[in-house]
Amino acid sequence: MNCINIKRGFILGMCWMAYASIYLGRLNLSIAAPIMEQEELINAVQMGTLGSCFFFTYAFGQIINGYLGDRVNPKRMFSIGIIVAALCNILIGFGPSVPMIFLLWSINGYAQSMIWGPLLKILAYTYIKEKERSRAAMILSTSIGVGSVLAILISSIVLENGFEAVFWVAGIVMLIIGIASLIFIPYVNQSKIIKREHISFFKIFLDKKIRAILIPNMAHGIIKDNLNLWIPILFMMMYGIDVKQVVIYVFLIPLATLVGRLIFPWMYHRCRENEKVVVTMAFIVCIGSLVPLVAYQIPIWLAALLLACIALAVSVINAAFLTIFPLRFVESNNVASVSGIMDFIAYMGAAVGSILFGIVIKYLGYQSIILFWIVISVISIVCMILSINNEEMISNERVER
């Protein structure tokens, strides 16, 4: 038994480290962006479009790789994804032309879409019991918060050596971890746990459970990833501070993301393991934190705390939608497929939001984008309440029968 637990712990640890590392090659753009703008390598509209390129290729990659992830070796798939993403970051560090940066960052987005679904699938078949599986998945999800914190911290430290160093360091770390994962993670036998007939990808995509949370999942993607991408420029516009000052406040965002991951298990338990209730409460926190940002001229420290609360809330939503929900499909061998679809929906929202953010913030000001976030959060709460009520009605009908 101890040997089995050690093996499981090793697999979980490697998976955790692998996913934490990719945030070095994702959030580094947020820290490098102001310097890239100052050096006139790229402007604000191009930066928004660059973010959208990542989100679009990541989103469509999730559909393709979600389908493939339930049919190919998951270890090989995610390891190759990390290695390709690492090489893209290293090449951007050489300061190529703008079209080449767009191409490499888009490939980076696609490569990173090869990672989460296969990792979740590896854990789903490493931990047979449902409670152990959920616990392992929640531990894996903390890698997002830790990876985000480390990405901002490391990128901020090496930024003094130029924006190129931000991409080089991220790429080298990811490359080492990708190769180590390919070598050391053992093969996982999934045949012991599949109990139901495999559901086709098309049917999964049209599943009413997914349709019920379509808008809230897309809304959380719009807020979460655009908050990470644009927060330095947002603070510089709101308070007229320079890039060195903004790093102090930006650091609160990934820290809040980590806190969100850590408190999610407690919230999930308190809400009787109903992720929809958790999501509804988190969107309420989003609205409560957004309103003061648009309604009042508040001190910078308070704005940073409110934005951190938003990051915490969307981190909780992300854990519910992209970690717990796909595990409901483990017995039909559709974990990677559902994970891919959920990620696709979220990142399509992020991609569209990134383009809108760049245009709106330039011509209408930051207040307009905050108002938009409030509106989609309200709509999401309405959708979640309707979905919860519908579930309760179906449950009551089954009891009566």
Protein backbone atom coordinates (compact mmCIF):
# COMPACT_ATOMS: atom_id res chain seq x y z
CA MET A 1 0.00 0.00 0.00
CA ASN A 2 2.83 2.42 0.86
CA CYS A 3 4.49 1.76 -2.49
CA ILE A 4 1.21 2.49 -4.27
CA ASN A 5 0.76 5.73 -2.33
CA ILE A 6 4.33 6.80 -3.07
CA LYS A 7 3.80 6.11 -6.77
CA ARG A 8 0.55 8.08 -6.77
CA GLY A 9 2.17 10.93 -4.88
CA PHE A 10 5.05 11.01 -7.35
CA ILE A 11 2.67 11.14 -10.33
CA LEU A 12 0.61 13.89 -8.69
CA GLY A 13 3.76 15.85 -7.85
CA MET A 14 5.08 15.64 -11.41
CA CYS A 15 1.72 16.63 -12.87
CA TRP A 16 1.48 19.53 -10.41
CA MET A 17 4.96 20.78 -11.28
CA ALA A 18 4.28 20.44 -15.01
CA TYR A 19 1.14 22.54 -14.94
CA ALA A 20 2.60 25.17 -12.62
CA SER A 21 5.49 25.63 -15.05
CA ILE A 22 3.37 26.58 -18.05
CA TYR A 23 2.20 29.76 -16.33
CA LEU A 24 5.78 30.99 -16.64
CA GLY A 25 5.26 30.85 -20.39
CA ARG A 26 1.79 32.39 -20.29
CA LEU A 27 1.77 35.26 -17.77
CA ASN A 28 5.26 36.44 -18.69
CA LEU A 29 3.70 38.41 -21.55
CA SER A 30 1.74 40.46 -19.02
CA ILE A 31 4.96 41.58 -17.30
CA ALA A 32 6.93 42.06 -20.52
CA ALA A 33 4.10 43.98 -22.28
CA PRO A 34 4.78 47.49 -20.86
CA ILE A 35 8.48 47.26 -21.79
CA MET A 36 7.64 45.93 -25.25
CA GLU A 37 5.31 48.92 -25.69
CA GLN A 38 7.90 51.40 -24.42
CA GLU A 39 10.45 50.02 -26.89
CA GLU A 40 7.77 50.40 -29.61
CA LEU A 41 8.03 46.74 -30.49
CA ILE A 42 4.27 46.41 -30.14
CA ASN A 43 1.34 48.73 -29.32
CA ALA A 44 -1.76 48.31 -27.08
CA VAL A 45 -4.10 47.17 -29.87
CA GLN A 46 -1.50 44.69 -31.13
CA MET A 47 -1.01 43.45 -27.57
CA GLY A 48 -4.76 42.82 -27.25
CA THR A 49 -4.74 40.98 -30.58
CA LEU A 50 -1.68 38.98 -29.48
CA GLY A 51 -3.52 37.90 -26.34
CA SER A 52 -6.50 36.92 -28.48
CA CYS A 53 -4.29 34.85 -30.79
CA PHE A 54 -3.13 32.85 -27.76
CA PHE A 55 -6.69 32.42 -26.47
CA PHE A 56 -8.10 31.45 -29.89
CA THR A 57 -5.44 28.81 -30.60
CA TYR A 58 -5.70 27.60 -27.01
CA ALA A 59 -9.49 27.38 -27.27
CA PHE A 60 -9.58 25.54 -30.60
CA GLY A 61 -6.65 23.42 -29.48
CA GLN A 62 -8.72 22.30 -26.51
CA ILE A 63 -11.39 20.94 -28.86
CA ILE A 64 -8.85 19.04 -30.96
CA ASN A 65 -6.68 17.87 -28.07
CA GLY A 66 -9.68 17.13 -25.85
CA TYR A 67 -10.82 14.66 -28.49
CA LEU A 68 -7.32 13.21 -28.93
CA GLY A 69 -6.65 13.18 -25.19
CA ASP A 70 -9.11 10.33 -24.62
CA ARG A 71 -7.52 8.28 -27.39
CA VAL A 72 -3.74 8.69 -27.15
CA ASN A 73 -1.05 8.35 -24.47
CA PRO A 74 -1.77 11.30 -22.13
CA LYS A 75 1.79 11.44 -20.75
CA ARG A 76 3.34 11.79 -24.18
CA MET A 77 0.74 14.33 -25.25
CA PHE A 78 1.16 16.80 -22.39
CA SER A 79 4.96 16.43 -22.32
CA ILE A 80 5.21 17.33 -25.99
CA GLY A 81 2.88 20.27 -25.37
CA ILE A 82 5.17 21.66 -22.64
CA ILE A 83 8.29 21.19 -24.77
CA VAL A 84 6.79 22.97 -27.81
CA ALA A 85 5.50 25.84 -25.62
CA ALA A 86 8.97 26.13 -24.08
CA LEU A 87 10.65 26.42 -27.48
CA CYS A 88 8.18 29.13 -28.55
CA ASN A 89 9.03 31.22 -25.47
CA ILE A 90 12.77 30.80 -26.03
CA LEU A 91 12.45 31.95 -29.66
CA ILE A 92 10.39 35.03 -28.70
CA GLY A 93 13.26 35.93 -26.36
CA PHE A 94 15.45 36.54 -29.40
CA GLY A 95 13.22 39.52 -30.28
CA PRO A 96 11.95 38.50 -33.72
CA SER A 97 9.66 40.59 -35.93
CA VAL A 98 6.07 41.33 -34.86
CA PRO A 99 4.55 38.77 -37.30
CA MET A 100 6.91 36.11 -35.96
CA ILE A 101 5.97 36.97 -32.35
CA PHE A 102 2.30 36.54 -33.31
CA LEU A 103 3.04 33.17 -34.91
CA LEU A 104 5.12 31.87 -31.99
CA TRP A 105 2.66 33.07 -29.32
CA SER A 106 -0.20 31.43 -31.24
CA ILE A 107 1.71 28.13 -31.40
CA ASN A 108 2.42 28.54 -27.68
CA GLY A 109 -1.34 28.77 -27.09
CA TYR A 110 -2.02 25.60 -29.07
CA ALA A 111 0.81 23.70 -27.35
CA GLN A 112 -0.50 24.67 -23.90
CA SER A 113 -3.94 23.33 -24.87
CA MET A 114 -2.35 19.86 -24.98
CA ILE A 115 -1.67 19.82 -21.23
CA TRP A 116 -4.61 20.19 -18.80
CA GLY A 117 -6.95 17.49 -20.17
CA PRO A 118 -4.30 14.75 -20.31
CA LEU A 119 -3.04 15.70 -16.82
CA LEU A 120 -6.57 15.49 -15.42
CA LYS A 121 -7.03 12.15 -17.14
CA ILE A 122 -3.79 10.76 -15.68
CA LEU A 123 -4.96 11.63 -12.17
CA ALA A 124 -8.48 10.32 -12.83
CA TYR A 125 -7.03 6.88 -13.57
CA THR A 126 -4.30 7.02 -10.92
CA TYR A 127 -6.82 7.60 -8.11
CA ILE A 128 -9.60 5.02 -8.41
CA LYS A 129 -11.87 6.16 -5.55
CA GLU A 130 -14.04 9.19 -6.34
CA LYS A 131 -13.16 11.18 -3.19
CA GLU A 132 -9.44 10.55 -3.64
CA ARG A 133 -9.77 11.57 -7.29
CA SER A 134 -11.52 14.84 -6.44
CA ARG A 135 -8.95 15.59 -3.73
CA ALA A 136 -6.06 14.94 -6.13
CA ALA A 137 -7.68 17.13 -8.79
CA MET A 138 -8.10 19.96 -6.27
CA ILE A 139 -4.42 19.64 -5.32
CA LEU A 140 -3.50 19.77 -9.01
CA SER A 141 -5.60 22.91 -9.43
CA THR A 142 -3.48 24.73 -6.83
CA SER A 143 -0.64 24.56 -9.36
CA ILE A 144 -2.47 27.31 -11.26
CA GLY A 145 -2.26 29.69 -8.31
CA VAL A 146 1.32 28.80 -7.39
CA GLY A 147 2.38 28.88 -11.03
CA SER A 148 0.78 32.30 -11.44
CA VAL A 149 2.56 33.68 -8.36
CA LEU A 150 5.91 32.29 -9.48
CA ALA A 151 5.37 33.54 -13.03
CA ILE A 152 4.81 37.13 -11.89
CA LEU A 153 7.62 36.96 -9.31
CA ILE A 154 10.25 35.39 -11.59
CA SER A 155 9.29 37.51 -14.59
CA SER A 156 9.46 40.70 -12.48
CA ILE A 157 12.93 39.78 -11.18
CA VAL A 158 14.46 38.97 -14.57
CA LEU A 159 12.74 41.93 -16.31
CA GLU A 160 15.70 44.12 -15.31
CA ASN A 161 17.70 42.21 -17.91
CA GLY A 162 15.20 43.12 -20.63
CA PHE A 163 11.93 41.60 -21.80
CA GLU A 164 13.91 38.95 -23.70
CA ALA A 165 15.09 37.38 -20.42
CA VAL A 166 11.46 37.00 -19.30
CA PHE A 167 10.79 34.64 -22.21
CA TRP A 168 14.15 32.84 -22.04
CA VAL A 169 13.86 31.92 -18.36
CA ALA A 170 10.28 30.70 -18.78
CA GLY A 171 11.22 28.61 -21.81
CA ILE A 172 14.24 26.96 -20.19
CA VAL A 173 12.34 25.99 -17.01
CA MET A 174 9.43 24.57 -19.04
CA LEU A 175 11.79 22.65 -21.33
CA ILE A 176 13.51 20.92 -18.39
CA ILE A 177 10.18 19.95 -16.77
CA GLY A 178 8.70 18.78 -20.08
CA ILE A 179 11.61 16.43 -20.76
CA ALA A 180 11.58 15.16 -17.13
CA SER A 181 7.83 14.41 -17.38
CA LEU A 182 8.31 12.46 -20.57
CA ILE A 183 11.04 10.35 -18.96
CA PHE A 184 9.85 9.81 -15.39
CA ILE A 185 6.02 9.71 -15.29
CA PRO A 186 4.96 6.04 -15.53
CA TYR A 187 2.24 4.60 -17.74
CA VAL A 188 -1.24 4.65 -16.16
CA ASN A 189 -3.67 1.80 -16.79
CA GLN A 190 -7.14 3.25 -17.40
CA SER A 191 -9.02 0.01 -18.13
CA LYS A 192 -9.84 -0.64 -14.45
CA ILE A 193 -12.17 2.32 -14.07
CA ILE A 194 -14.13 2.64 -17.34
CA LYS A 195 -17.63 1.34 -16.61
CA ARG A 196 -19.92 2.94 -19.20
CA GLU A 197 -19.92 3.09 -22.97
CA HIS A 198 -17.82 5.89 -24.41
CA ILE A 199 -19.94 8.94 -25.33
CA SER A 200 -19.23 10.45 -28.74
CA PHE A 201 -17.56 13.85 -28.83
CA PHE A 202 -20.51 15.39 -30.68
CA LYS A 203 -23.00 14.21 -28.03
CA ILE A 204 -20.75 15.49 -25.26
CA PHE A 205 -20.61 18.89 -26.93
CA LEU A 206 -24.43 19.07 -27.00
CA ASP A 207 -24.91 17.68 -23.49
CA LYS A 208 -27.54 19.70 -21.61
CA LYS A 209 -25.29 19.86 -18.53
CA ILE A 210 -22.72 21.76 -20.57
CA ARG A 211 -25.30 23.96 -22.31
CA ALA A 212 -26.69 25.02 -18.93
CA ILE A 213 -23.37 26.56 -17.88
CA LEU A 214 -22.28 27.85 -21.29
CA ILE A 215 -22.66 31.58 -20.57
CA PRO A 216 -21.21 31.53 -17.01
CA ASN A 217 -18.22 29.49 -18.17
CA MET A 218 -17.56 31.90 -21.03
CA ALA A 219 -18.02 34.90 -18.71
CA HIS A 220 -15.47 33.60 -16.21
CA GLY A 221 -13.00 33.14 -19.06
CA ILE A 222 -13.52 36.73 -20.19
CA ILE A 223 -12.78 38.07 -16.71
CA LYS A 224 -10.06 35.66 -15.55
CA ASP A 225 -7.60 35.74 -18.41
CA ASN A 226 -8.07 39.35 -19.43
CA LEU A 227 -7.52 40.38 -15.80
CA ASN A 228 -4.17 38.57 -15.88
CA LEU A 229 -3.17 39.97 -19.29
CA TRP A 230 -4.19 43.60 -18.88
CA ILE A 231 -3.74 44.35 -15.17
CA PRO A 232 -0.34 46.14 -15.50
CA ILE A 233 -1.60 48.45 -18.27
CA LEU A 234 -4.91 48.93 -16.43
CA PHE A 235 -3.14 50.14 -13.28
CA MET A 236 -0.85 52.42 -15.29
CA MET A 237 -3.89 54.02 -16.94
CA MET A 238 -5.92 54.33 -13.74
CA TYR A 239 -3.20 55.79 -11.51
CA GLY A 240 -0.41 57.02 -13.78
CA ILE A 241 2.31 54.83 -12.22
CA ASP A 242 5.29 53.26 -13.99
CA VAL A 243 5.95 49.60 -14.69
CA LYS A 244 8.22 49.12 -11.63
CA GLN A 245 5.53 50.43 -9.27
CA VAL A 246 2.76 48.41 -10.88
CA VAL A 247 4.51 45.07 -10.23
CA ILE A 248 3.83 45.43 -6.49
CA TYR A 249 0.08 45.58 -7.09
CA VAL A 250 0.03 43.05 -9.93
CA PHE A 251 1.57 40.47 -7.60
CA LEU A 252 -1.68 40.42 -5.57
CA ILE A 253 -3.59 38.92 -8.52
CA PRO A 254 -1.76 35.56 -8.78
CA LEU A 255 -1.59 35.43 -4.99
CA ALA A 256 -5.38 35.79 -4.85
CA THR A 257 -5.67 33.10 -7.53
CA LEU A 258 -3.73 30.74 -5.28
CA VAL A 259 -5.93 31.61 -2.28
CA GLY A 260 -8.99 30.86 -4.42
CA ARG A 261 -7.63 27.40 -5.18
CA LEU A 262 -6.89 26.76 -1.52
CA ILE A 263 -10.34 27.78 -0.25
CA PHE A 264 -12.21 25.99 -3.04
CA PRO A 265 -12.25 22.57 -1.25
CA TRP A 266 -13.74 24.23 1.83
CA MET A 267 -16.40 26.06 -0.21
CA TYR A 268 -17.17 22.91 -2.21
CA HIS A 269 -17.70 20.94 1.01
CA ARG A 270 -19.82 23.70 2.59
CA CYS A 271 -22.01 23.81 -0.52
CA ARG A 272 -22.66 20.05 -0.28
CA GLU A 273 -20.35 19.30 -3.21
CA ASN A 274 -22.51 21.27 -5.63
CA GLU A 275 -20.18 23.22 -7.90
CA LYS A 276 -23.06 25.30 -9.29
CA VAL A 277 -23.81 26.81 -5.88
CA VAL A 278 -20.10 27.58 -5.45
CA VAL A 279 -20.01 29.32 -8.84
CA THR A 280 -23.10 31.41 -8.04
CA MET A 281 -21.57 32.66 -4.80
CA ALA A 282 -18.30 33.48 -6.55
CA PHE A 283 -20.04 35.60 -9.21
CA ILE A 284 -21.77 37.54 -6.43
CA VAL A 285 -18.32 38.32 -5.00
CA CYS A 286 -17.22 39.49 -8.47
CA ILE A 287 -20.09 41.97 -8.73
CA GLY A 288 -19.53 43.27 -5.20
CA SER A 289 -15.86 43.90 -6.02
CA LEU A 290 -16.43 45.42 -9.48
CA VAL A 291 -19.03 48.04 -8.56
CA PRO A 292 -16.71 50.25 -6.43
CA LEU A 293 -14.10 50.25 -9.23
CA VAL A 294 -16.49 51.94 -11.64
CA ALA A 295 -18.60 53.95 -9.21
CA TYR A 296 -15.92 55.71 -7.13
CA GLN A 297 -12.41 57.13 -7.39
CA ILE A 298 -10.75 54.88 -4.84
CA PRO A 299 -7.17 54.65 -3.52
CA ILE A 300 -4.82 52.41 -5.45
CA TRP A 301 -4.37 49.96 -2.55
CA LEU A 302 -8.15 49.46 -2.34
CA ALA A 303 -8.42 48.97 -6.12
CA ALA A 304 -5.68 46.33 -5.88
CA LEU A 305 -7.55 44.52 -3.09
CA LEU A 306 -10.84 44.58 -5.03
CA LEU A 307 -9.17 43.24 -8.16
CA ALA A 308 -7.57 40.55 -6.00
CA CYS A 309 -11.05 39.59 -4.72
CA ILE A 310 -12.21 39.27 -8.33
CA ALA A 311 -9.19 37.09 -9.15
CA LEU A 312 -9.96 34.93 -6.10
CA ALA A 313 -13.61 34.52 -7.16
CA VAL A 314 -12.84 33.57 -10.77
CA SER A 315 -10.19 31.16 -9.52
CA VAL A 316 -12.90 29.38 -7.53
CA ILE A 317 -15.18 29.35 -10.60
CA ASN A 318 -12.34 27.99 -12.72
CA ALA A 319 -11.74 25.13 -10.28
CA ALA A 320 -15.45 24.24 -10.30
CA PHE A 321 -15.89 24.32 -14.08
CA LEU A 322 -12.55 23.00 -15.34
CA THR A 323 -11.43 20.64 -12.56
CA ILE A 324 -14.45 19.10 -10.80
CA PHE A 325 -17.03 19.12 -13.59
CA PRO A 326 -14.99 17.03 -16.12
CA LEU A 327 -14.45 14.31 -13.49
CA ARG A 328 -18.19 13.57 -13.64
CA PHE A 329 -17.44 11.87 -16.98
CA VAL A 330 -14.55 9.64 -15.88
CA GLU A 331 -16.42 6.34 -16.08
CA SER A 332 -17.21 6.82 -19.79
CA ASN A 333 -13.59 7.78 -20.59
CA ASN A 334 -14.56 11.35 -21.54
CA VAL A 335 -12.53 13.33 -19.00
CA ALA A 336 -10.19 14.93 -21.57
CA SER A 337 -13.05 15.55 -24.02
CA VAL A 338 -15.22 17.37 -21.46
CA SER A 339 -12.18 19.23 -20.12
CA GLY A 340 -11.36 20.31 -23.67
CA ILE A 341 -14.91 21.53 -24.34
CA MET A 342 -15.09 23.46 -21.07
CA ASP A 343 -11.70 25.05 -21.72
CA PHE A 344 -12.76 25.86 -25.29
CA ILE A 345 -15.83 27.72 -24.08
CA ALA A 346 -13.87 29.65 -21.42
CA TYR A 347 -11.02 30.63 -23.71
CA MET A 348 -13.25 31.63 -26.61
CA GLY A 349 -14.68 34.13 -24.15
CA ALA A 350 -11.15 35.18 -23.20
CA ALA A 351 -10.15 35.59 -26.87
CA VAL A 352 -13.13 37.76 -27.78
CA GLY A 353 -12.73 39.70 -24.54
CA SER A 354 -9.06 40.42 -25.22
CA ILE A 355 -9.80 42.06 -28.59
CA LEU A 356 -12.65 44.08 -27.07
CA PHE A 357 -10.50 45.05 -24.10
CA GLY A 358 -7.73 46.49 -26.29
CA ILE A 359 -10.19 48.55 -28.37
CA VAL A 360 -12.51 49.63 -25.54
CA ILE A 361 -9.74 50.63 -23.14
CA LYS A 362 -8.14 52.78 -25.85
CA TYR A 363 -11.27 54.62 -27.03
CA LEU A 364 -13.78 54.44 -24.12
CA GLY A 365 -11.64 54.06 -21.01
CA TYR A 366 -11.31 51.31 -18.41
CA GLN A 367 -14.72 52.05 -16.81
CA SER A 368 -16.51 50.65 -19.85
CA ILE A 369 -14.83 47.26 -19.60
CA ILE A 370 -15.59 47.04 -15.86
CA LEU A 371 -19.27 47.78 -16.59
CA PHE A 372 -19.22 44.97 -19.15
CA TRP A 373 -17.80 42.57 -16.55
CA ILE A 374 -20.60 43.52 -14.14
CA VAL A 375 -23.28 42.83 -16.76
CA ILE A 376 -21.95 39.40 -17.73
CA SER A 377 -21.59 38.47 -14.04
CA VAL A 378 -25.26 39.33 -13.41
CA ILE A 379 -26.33 37.28 -16.45
CA SER A 380 -24.18 34.38 -15.20
CA ILE A 381 -25.85 34.41 -11.78
CA VAL A 382 -29.29 34.22 -13.43
CA CYS A 383 -28.13 31.26 -15.57
CA MET A 384 -26.71 29.41 -12.57
CA ILE A 385 -29.88 29.90 -10.48
CA LEU A 386 -32.02 28.58 -13.34
CA SER A 387 -29.70 25.57 -13.72
CA ILE A 388 -29.77 24.80 -9.97
CA ASN A 389 -33.58 25.04 -9.91
CA ASN A 390 -33.82 22.75 -12.94
CA GLU A 391 -31.58 20.16 -11.24
CA GLU A 392 -33.72 20.25 -8.11
CA MET A 393 -36.90 19.75 -10.15
CA ILE A 394 -35.40 16.72 -11.94
CA SER A 395 -34.20 15.30 -8.60
CA ASN A 396 -37.65 15.73 -7.05
CA GLU A 397 -39.30 13.98 -9.99
CA ARG A 398 -36.99 10.99 -9.58
CA VAL A 399 -37.79 10.77 -5.87
CA GLU A 400 -41.54 10.83 -6.58
CA ARG A 401 -41.17 7.98 -9.08
